[in-house]
Amino acid sequence: MKTCLVVDDSSVIRKVARRILEGLEFKIAEAENGEEAIEACRVEIPDAILLDWNMPKMDGYDFLRALRRDKKALSFFKALNRANLYSISYRLQTAKTPETRARRTQKILAMLARGEKFH
């Protein structure tokens, strides 16, 4: 079973992501901020990470920097590219309501599960 770490300070977003990802047959782990996410990755590197950029304690950018320094995480990063990250980030940050953000999150997760690329 594929694993996904959902990292977001919003419990609503984590709950929505969990429901969607479990429907796509992912095993889910959650973290409320980057520090918790780093600890979770030290236990097990997930197949995917759904990451909020703006969080308390350690934001998404600092989390990625810290994770890149971990040699265990190299296999995770080979599947990412900067264009995909910016595209996903833009789509979620421009959502004007929580409902729109949740719908966009659901669509993005479904695309990721199918292995589709973002433009």
Foldseek 3Di string as FASTA:
>chain_A
DFEEEEEALDPVLVVLLVVLVVVLVYHYDYHNALVRVVVVVVVPNGLYYHAAQDHPPHGPVRSVVVLVVDPVCPVNPVLDDPVQVVQLNVCQVPDPDPVSNSVSSSVVVVCVSVVHGDD
